[in-house]
Protein backbone atom coordinates (compact mmCIF):
# COMPACT_ATOMS: atom_id res chain seq x y z
CA MET A 1 -15.49 -48.18 -7.57
CA VAL A 2 -14.68 -45.27 -5.16
CA SER A 3 -12.62 -43.59 -7.89
CA GLN A 4 -15.65 -43.61 -10.21
CA ILE A 5 -17.93 -42.24 -7.47
CA LEU A 6 -15.46 -39.40 -6.93
CA LEU A 7 -15.40 -38.59 -10.65
CA ASP A 8 -19.20 -38.74 -10.82
CA LEU A 9 -19.37 -36.28 -7.93
CA ALA A 10 -16.99 -33.90 -9.74
CA LYS A 11 -19.03 -34.12 -12.94
CA SER A 12 -22.25 -33.38 -11.04
CA VAL A 13 -21.15 -30.07 -9.46
CA ARG A 14 -23.64 -27.30 -10.21
CA GLU A 15 -23.40 -24.77 -7.39
CA GLU A 16 -20.64 -25.61 -4.94
CA ALA A 17 -17.76 -28.01 -4.28
CA LEU A 18 -16.02 -28.10 -0.88
CA ILE A 19 -12.86 -30.19 -0.94
CA LEU A 20 -10.53 -31.15 1.91
CA LEU A 21 -7.41 -33.02 0.77
CA PRO A 22 -5.30 -34.80 3.42
CA ASN A 23 -1.83 -34.10 1.98
CA ALA A 24 -0.08 -32.49 -1.00
CA ARG A 25 0.15 -35.77 -2.87
CA ALA A 26 -3.61 -36.24 -2.58
CA MET A 27 -4.06 -33.38 -5.05
CA VAL A 28 -1.69 -35.15 -7.45
CA ARG A 29 -3.64 -38.39 -7.08
CA VAL A 30 -7.07 -36.88 -7.77
CA ASP A 31 -5.66 -34.86 -10.66
CA ARG A 32 -4.47 -38.08 -12.32
CA LEU A 33 -8.02 -39.37 -12.06
CA GLY A 34 -9.33 -36.31 -13.92
CA PHE A 35 -11.12 -34.93 -10.84
CA ILE A 36 -9.34 -31.54 -10.96
CA GLY A 37 -10.28 -31.09 -14.61
CA TYR A 38 -13.98 -31.50 -13.83
CA ILE A 39 -13.69 -29.12 -10.86
CA ILE A 40 -12.06 -26.51 -13.13
CA GLU A 41 -14.96 -26.91 -15.59
CA ALA A 42 -17.48 -26.48 -12.77
CA SER A 43 -15.81 -23.25 -11.67
CA GLN A 44 -15.74 -21.95 -15.24
CA LYS A 45 -19.51 -22.49 -15.36
CA GLY A 46 -20.03 -20.41 -12.20
CA ALA A 47 -19.85 -22.94 -9.37
CA THR A 48 -18.15 -21.96 -6.10
CA VAL A 49 -15.10 -24.14 -5.43
CA LYS A 50 -13.15 -24.10 -2.17
CA ILE A 51 -10.15 -26.37 -1.56
CA ILE A 52 -8.15 -26.90 1.62
CA CYS A 53 -4.91 -28.74 0.93
CA PRO A 54 -1.29 -28.72 2.15
CA LEU A 55 0.67 -26.77 -0.47
CA SER A 56 4.16 -27.73 -1.58
CA ASP A 57 6.39 -28.14 -4.63
CA GLU A 58 4.74 -31.51 -5.18
CA ASN A 59 1.41 -30.01 -6.20
CA SER A 60 2.65 -26.58 -7.39
CA GLU A 61 2.08 -27.34 -11.09
CA ILE A 62 -1.52 -28.35 -10.41
CA LEU A 63 -2.06 -25.19 -8.38
CA LYS A 64 -0.69 -23.18 -11.29
CA LYS A 65 -3.04 -24.95 -13.69
CA ILE A 66 -6.05 -24.21 -11.46
CA SER A 67 -5.01 -20.58 -11.07
CA GLU A 68 -4.63 -20.08 -14.82
CA GLN A 69 -7.74 -21.96 -15.94
CA ALA A 70 -10.10 -21.25 -13.04
CA PRO A 71 -8.94 -18.17 -11.08
CA ALA A 72 -12.22 -18.10 -9.13
CA VAL A 73 -11.26 -21.32 -7.31
CA THR A 74 -10.03 -20.43 -3.81
CA ILE A 75 -7.38 -22.62 -2.21
CA LEU A 76 -6.08 -22.39 1.35
CA ASN A 77 -2.99 -24.07 2.74
CA GLY A 78 -3.97 -26.88 5.11
CA ASP A 79 -2.32 -29.27 7.53
CA ASN A 80 -1.75 -32.95 6.88
CA CYS A 81 -4.75 -34.94 8.15
CA LEU A 82 -6.05 -38.52 8.16
CA TYR A 83 -8.99 -38.20 5.78
CA GLY A 84 -10.28 -36.45 2.69
CA VAL A 85 -13.73 -34.88 2.28
CA TYR A 86 -15.66 -33.98 -0.88
CA ILE A 87 -18.99 -32.15 -0.42
CA ILE A 88 -21.01 -31.44 -3.57
CA ASP A 89 -23.88 -28.89 -3.76
CA SER A 90 -24.68 -29.48 -0.06
CA LYS A 91 -26.42 -32.69 -1.18
CA LYS A 92 -23.80 -35.45 -1.37
CA PHE A 93 -20.48 -36.19 0.23
CA LEU A 94 -17.61 -38.64 0.08
CA ARG A 95 -15.37 -39.11 3.12
CA ALA A 96 -12.29 -41.29 2.70
CA GLU A 97 -9.72 -42.27 5.33
CA LEU A 98 -6.08 -42.01 4.30
CA LYS A 99 -4.48 -45.44 4.52
CA ASP A 100 -1.20 -44.83 2.70
CA PRO A 101 -0.13 -41.14 2.47
CA GLU A 102 2.71 -41.92 0.04
CA ALA A 103 0.71 -44.06 -2.41
CA GLU A 104 0.78 -42.99 -6.04
CA LYS A 105 -2.75 -44.13 -6.90
CA PHE A 106 -5.97 -42.89 -5.31
CA SER A 107 -7.31 -46.43 -4.88
CA GLU A 108 -4.15 -47.50 -3.01
CA ALA A 109 -4.13 -44.44 -0.73
CA ILE A 110 -7.65 -44.66 0.71
CA GLY A 111 -9.10 -46.94 3.35
CA PHE A 112 -12.56 -46.90 4.88
CA THR A 113 -14.87 -44.69 2.80
CA VAL A 114 -18.36 -43.27 3.33
CA TYR A 115 -20.55 -42.01 0.48
CA SER A 116 -23.93 -40.52 1.38
CA ASN A 117 -26.66 -38.08 0.43
CA SER A 118 -27.97 -37.88 4.01
CA LYS A 119 -28.87 -34.27 4.81
CA VAL A 120 -27.77 -34.67 8.42
CA GLY A 121 -24.43 -36.12 7.34
CA VAL A 122 -23.87 -33.47 4.65
CA ASP A 123 -24.77 -30.60 7.01
CA SER A 124 -22.48 -31.98 9.71
CA LEU A 125 -19.48 -32.35 7.39
CA ARG A 126 -20.18 -29.00 5.78
CA SER A 127 -20.08 -27.35 9.23
CA VAL A 128 -16.74 -29.00 9.96
CA PHE A 129 -15.37 -27.85 6.60
CA GLU A 130 -16.52 -24.24 7.16
CA LEU A 131 -14.89 -24.19 10.61
CA LEU A 132 -11.63 -25.45 9.09
CA TRP A 133 -11.93 -22.91 6.28
CA LYS A 134 -12.39 -19.99 8.69
CA GLU A 135 -9.48 -21.20 10.80
CA ARG A 136 -7.15 -21.52 7.78
CA LYS A 137 -8.32 -18.17 6.38
CA LEU A 138 -7.63 -16.47 9.70
CA ASN A 139 -4.18 -18.07 9.85
CA GLU A 140 -3.41 -16.91 6.30
CA ASP A 141 -4.59 -13.38 7.06
CA LEU A 142 -2.50 -13.26 10.23
CA LYS A 143 0.60 -14.43 8.34
CA ILE A 144 0.09 -11.78 5.67
CA HIS A 145 -0.53 -9.11 8.32
CA ASP A 146 2.56 -10.15 10.30
CA LYS A 147 4.68 -10.09 7.14
CA MET A 148 3.36 -6.65 6.16
CA GLN A 149 3.97 -5.29 9.66
CA GLN A 150 7.53 -6.63 9.68
CA GLU A 151 8.15 -5.11 6.26
CA PHE A 152 6.73 -1.81 7.48
CA ILE A 153 8.92 -1.83 10.59
CA ASN A 154 12.01 -2.43 8.43
CA ILE A 155 11.03 0.28 5.94
CA ALA A 156 9.97 2.78 8.64
CA ALA A 157 13.24 2.19 10.54
CA HIS A 158 15.15 2.93 7.35
CA GLU A 159 13.03 5.99 6.55
CA LEU A 160 13.43 7.35 10.08
CA ARG A 161 17.16 6.73 10.13
CA THR A 162 17.71 8.51 6.79
CA PRO A 163 16.73 12.05 7.96
CA VAL A 164 17.79 11.59 11.59
CA GLN A 165 21.45 10.89 10.76
CA PRO A 166 22.12 14.12 8.83
CA ILE A 167 20.14 16.18 11.38
CA ILE A 168 22.33 14.89 14.22
CA GLY A 169 25.58 14.92 12.23
CA LEU A 170 25.16 18.36 10.69
CA SER A 171 23.90 19.83 13.96
CA GLN A 172 27.15 18.69 15.63
CA ILE A 173 29.18 20.25 12.82
CA LEU A 174 27.18 23.49 13.08
CA LEU A 175 27.76 23.64 16.85
CA SER A 176 31.51 23.50 16.27
CA LYS A 177 31.43 26.35 13.74
CA ARG A 178 32.08 29.99 14.46
CA GLY A 179 31.03 33.11 12.58
CA LYS A 180 27.83 34.52 11.11
CA ILE A 181 24.82 32.28 10.56
CA GLU A 182 24.78 33.28 6.87
CA ASP A 183 28.11 31.50 6.47
CA HIS A 184 26.47 28.17 7.28
CA ILE A 185 23.19 28.52 5.40
CA GLU A 186 23.74 25.32 3.37
CA LEU A 187 24.10 23.23 6.53
CA ILE A 188 20.97 24.80 8.01
CA GLN A 189 18.98 24.18 4.81
CA THR A 190 19.99 20.50 4.83
CA ILE A 191 18.97 20.13 8.48
CA SER A 192 15.65 21.85 7.78
CA ARG A 193 14.94 19.66 4.73
CA ASN A 194 15.55 16.44 6.69
CA ALA A 195 13.53 17.69 9.67
CA LYS A 196 10.58 18.30 7.34
CA ARG A 197 10.97 14.79 5.91
CA LEU A 198 10.92 13.40 9.44
CA GLN A 199 7.83 15.47 10.21
CA ARG A 200 6.00 14.10 7.12
CA LEU A 201 6.77 10.54 8.14
CA THR A 202 5.51 11.20 11.68
CA GLU A 203 2.31 12.75 10.31
CA ASP A 204 1.76 9.76 7.99
CA ILE A 205 2.01 7.34 10.91
CA LEU A 206 -0.39 9.50 12.96
CA ASP A 207 -2.84 9.63 10.03
CA VAL A 208 -2.78 5.84 9.71
CA THR A 209 -3.51 5.58 13.44
CA LYS A 210 -6.52 7.92 13.01
CA ILE A 211 -7.78 5.93 10.02
CA GLU A 212 -7.42 2.60 11.81
CA SER A 213 -9.25 3.93 14.89
CA HIS A 214 -11.96 5.57 12.73
CA SER A 215 -11.14 8.98 14.22
CA LEU A 216 -10.17 10.80 11.00
CA ARG A 217 -12.26 13.99 11.01
CA LEU A 218 -12.97 16.19 7.99
CA ASN A 219 -13.31 19.98 8.18
CA ASN A 220 -15.36 20.55 5.05
CA GLU A 221 -15.67 23.86 3.28
CA ILE A 222 -16.73 24.98 -0.19
CA PHE A 223 -13.79 25.92 -2.42
CA GLU A 224 -12.65 26.06 -6.02
CA LEU A 225 -10.74 22.87 -6.83
CA SER A 226 -8.97 24.44 -9.80
CA ASP A 227 -7.57 27.25 -7.63
CA LEU A 228 -6.28 24.76 -5.09
CA ILE A 229 -4.47 22.75 -7.77
CA SER A 230 -3.04 25.92 -9.35
CA ASN A 231 -1.59 27.07 -6.03
CA ILE A 232 -0.03 23.68 -5.31
CA VAL A 233 1.49 23.46 -8.80
CA ARG A 234 2.88 27.01 -8.36
CA ASP A 235 4.52 26.00 -5.07
CA PHE A 236 6.06 22.91 -6.68
CA ALA A 237 7.34 24.99 -9.61
CA ILE A 238 9.16 27.25 -7.14
CA GLN A 239 10.66 24.23 -5.38
CA ILE A 240 12.05 22.56 -8.51
CA ASN A 241 14.21 25.47 -9.59
CA GLY A 242 17.84 25.62 -10.69
CA GLU A 243 19.06 22.45 -12.36
CA ASP A 244 15.79 20.61 -11.72
CA SER A 245 13.86 23.12 -13.82
CA LYS A 246 15.94 22.12 -16.85
CA ARG A 247 15.17 18.43 -16.55
CA LEU A 248 11.68 18.47 -15.03
CA LYS A 249 8.54 20.46 -15.85
CA ILE A 250 5.09 20.45 -14.18
CA ASN A 251 2.14 21.39 -16.39
CA TYR A 252 -1.43 22.03 -15.28
CA GLU A 253 -4.37 21.56 -17.66
CA ASP A 254 -7.79 22.75 -16.48
CA LYS A 255 -10.71 21.34 -18.48
CA ALA A 256 -13.37 21.47 -15.78
CA GLY A 257 -15.19 24.60 -16.89
CA SER A 258 -18.42 24.42 -18.85
CA GLU A 259 -18.83 26.03 -22.29
CA ASP A 260 -20.82 29.01 -21.04
CA GLN A 261 -18.18 30.00 -18.52
CA GLU A 262 -15.39 32.42 -19.23
CA LYS A 263 -13.41 31.01 -16.34
CA SER A 264 -13.14 27.35 -15.39
CA SER A 265 -15.07 26.64 -12.22
CA PHE A 266 -15.45 23.46 -10.23
CA LEU A 267 -16.64 23.91 -6.67
CA VAL A 268 -16.33 21.07 -4.17
CA LYS A 269 -17.33 20.72 -0.55
CA ALA A 270 -14.39 19.02 1.08
CA ASP A 271 -11.57 19.24 3.61
CA LYS A 272 -9.21 21.58 1.78
CA ALA A 273 -6.13 20.56 3.78
CA ARG A 274 -6.78 16.85 3.23
CA ILE A 275 -7.38 17.23 -0.52
CA SER A 276 -4.17 19.28 -0.68
CA GLN A 277 -2.43 16.43 1.12
CA VAL A 278 -3.54 13.98 -1.58
CA ILE A 279 -2.49 16.22 -4.48
CA VAL A 280 0.89 16.97 -2.88
CA HIS A 281 1.52 13.28 -2.30
CA LEU A 282 0.69 12.36 -5.90
CA LEU A 283 2.98 15.09 -7.22
CA ASP A 284 5.75 14.10 -4.79
CA ASN A 285 5.41 10.53 -6.01
CA ALA A 286 5.53 11.60 -9.66
CA ILE A 287 8.68 13.68 -9.09
CA LYS A 288 10.29 10.88 -7.10
CA PHE A 289 9.96 8.36 -9.93
CA THR A 290 10.57 10.74 -12.84
CA GLY A 291 14.20 11.37 -13.69
CA GLU A 292 13.52 13.96 -16.35
CA GLY A 293 10.69 15.05 -18.62
CA SER A 294 7.28 16.42 -17.73
CA ILE A 295 4.54 15.81 -15.19
CA THR A 296 1.02 16.82 -16.17
CA ILE A 297 -1.79 17.38 -13.70
CA ASN A 298 -5.22 17.63 -15.24
CA LEU A 299 -8.67 18.55 -13.95
CA LYS A 300 -11.67 17.66 -16.08
CA ARG A 301 -15.41 17.48 -15.60
CA GLU A 302 -17.25 14.20 -16.13
CA GLU A 303 -21.01 14.13 -16.46
CA SER A 304 -21.89 10.63 -17.68
CA SER A 305 -21.90 7.30 -15.90
CA SER A 306 -18.70 5.26 -16.01
CA THR A 307 -16.71 2.71 -14.04
CA TYR A 308 -15.73 5.37 -11.51
CA ASN A 309 -18.94 7.41 -11.71
CA LYS A 310 -21.79 4.95 -11.27
CA HIS A 311 -24.30 7.46 -9.88
CA ASN A 312 -24.39 9.57 -13.05
CA GLN A 313 -23.42 12.68 -11.10
CA THR A 314 -21.12 15.54 -12.04
CA ILE A 315 -17.62 14.77 -10.81
CA GLY A 316 -14.22 16.33 -11.18
CA VAL A 317 -11.44 13.92 -12.16
CA VAL A 318 -7.91 14.96 -11.21
CA SER A 319 -5.08 13.07 -12.94
CA VAL A 320 -1.33 13.22 -12.34
CA LYS A 321 0.63 11.79 -15.27
CA ASP A 322 4.39 11.24 -15.19
CA CYS A 323 6.96 9.76 -17.55
CA GLY A 324 8.87 7.85 -14.89
CA SER A 325 9.50 4.17 -14.26
CA GLY A 326 5.84 3.15 -14.00
CA ILE A 327 4.17 0.96 -11.36
CA ASP A 328 5.87 -2.33 -10.58
CA SER A 329 3.72 -5.34 -11.50
CA ASP A 330 4.26 -6.85 -8.02
CA ILE A 331 2.94 -3.69 -6.35
CA MET A 332 0.02 -2.93 -8.69
CA PRO A 333 -2.54 -5.38 -7.14
CA ARG A 334 -2.00 -3.88 -3.66
CA LEU A 335 -0.99 -0.36 -4.66
CA PHE A 336 -3.35 1.41 -2.26
CA GLU A 337 -2.98 -1.04 0.61
CA LYS A 338 -1.20 -0.22 3.82
CA PHE A 339 2.56 -0.87 3.81
CA ALA A 340 2.65 -1.53 0.04
CA SER A 341 6.14 -0.53 -1.05
CA LYS A 342 8.97 -1.78 -3.23
CA SER A 343 12.31 -2.15 -1.47
CA PHE A 344 13.34 0.96 0.53
CA GLN A 345 11.56 3.50 -1.67
CA GLY A 346 9.17 4.72 1.02
CA THR A 347 6.79 3.45 3.68
CA GLY A 348 3.93 2.84 1.28
CA LEU A 349 1.60 4.80 3.58
CA GLY A 350 0.97 7.82 1.35
CA LEU A 351 -1.28 6.10 -1.19
CA PHE A 352 -3.13 4.22 1.56
CA ILE A 353 -3.84 7.52 3.35
CA SER A 354 -4.80 9.21 0.06
CA LYS A 355 -7.28 6.44 -0.73
CA LYS A 356 -8.95 6.75 2.67
CA ILE A 357 -9.16 10.55 2.37
CA ILE A 358 -10.72 10.43 -1.10
CA GLU A 359 -13.16 7.68 -0.13
CA ALA A 360 -14.18 9.71 2.94
CA HIS A 361 -15.23 12.41 0.44
CA SER A 362 -17.36 9.92 -1.55
CA GLY A 363 -14.73 9.85 -4.30
CA LYS A 364 -12.60 7.20 -5.98
CA ILE A 365 -8.85 6.85 -6.53
CA TRP A 366 -7.10 4.58 -9.03
CA ALA A 367 -3.96 4.28 -11.16
CA GLU A 368 -2.62 2.71 -14.34
CA ASN A 369 0.60 2.45 -16.29
CA ASN A 370 0.67 4.60 -19.41
CA THR A 371 0.26 2.70 -22.67
CA ALA A 372 1.58 5.09 -25.32
CA GLN A 373 4.59 6.17 -23.29
CA LYS A 374 6.48 5.21 -20.15
CA GLY A 375 5.35 6.23 -16.70
CA ALA A 376 2.07 6.05 -14.81
CA THR A 377 -1.07 8.10 -14.23
CA PHE A 378 -2.88 8.43 -10.92
CA TYR A 379 -6.50 9.61 -10.80
CA PHE A 380 -8.98 10.64 -8.15
CA SER A 381 -12.54 11.91 -8.42
CA LEU A 382 -14.61 14.22 -6.25
CA PRO A 383 -18.33 15.05 -6.58
CA LYS A 384 -19.15 18.61 -7.65
CA PHE A 385 -20.84 20.78 -5.05
CA SER A 386 -24.17 21.68 -6.60
CA ASN A 387 -26.27 23.00 -3.70
CA ILE A 388 -25.79 26.64 -4.76
CA ARG A 389 -28.57 29.18 -4.38
CA LYS A 390 -28.89 31.38 -7.43
CA LYS A 391 -29.27 35.10 -6.89
């Protein structure tokens, strides 16, 4: 009788289903009844479905089925409790006490049960469920945050140690040397290179602190975006000389100019230093993950509305395309999040900072793996400065 009521409730879902399951096996029991199948169908038709349930290997296959067939269903890990609750469309509910947690069948597991369409009862249980949901969501968020912070501490410690060791070691060697400073130029260059790396890491951490405290300030000015990119590419070309120039090339393609212009022109009103920071980081990243081949940075004008230009305004889209290893599938969903990194390949702060800088300029930043060839392409957009008085 109760089993049929539960199935009828699942079939009747139109707008919302709130489900609290007492233990991991409870999900297995209601799945055998067919309840989960009806809930999946409800979600596919647009209903909101929230489930709180202890998660374990016992119900992992069902969780996988829900994720694949109804990805909109949200499930939070819960604690074992003494009852199950099913609230449908804020109109009806079923509350069942758990008599035998280890029972295989739903009918054998439940004890005293209440089924009602009382508004007072539904509202009361719904309030309890929402409190539990917020508590579990907060716990999940804290766990994720703690894990990310621990990962960041490990990565940052590694990144800090990497330049510090040669600075200390080579400085000691240099102090023991005698002769002209020109005789030890290689040691000095190595110390300088690692000191700069340490400085960049320190600046990244300071930038994150400014972003988190909402104290990142922009010093906007009007400048030619194409000129800025050209200068940065020229500096990089000088840096990757010698052997690197044989295996790695950086190309710049400027397509931002309009047809009636002899020279490409794309003025923006932005913080020049911060936009430089973004471009430098994207190029650094491209070089880091590209063994050999070419890196192409492109600037083009976009006039029409698109996914990244919803206001139908004139924007400049800068892209940095490499032929490296591409973006790892595990990293892609959280690519621009703080601390996102794979192994000890960096702190993962650069893209997070870049995203915040571009968004502060009313722009967008995104990335994708290349389809026709290996590697990845990063993009960012900036609105064109158009408030120009004609002579």
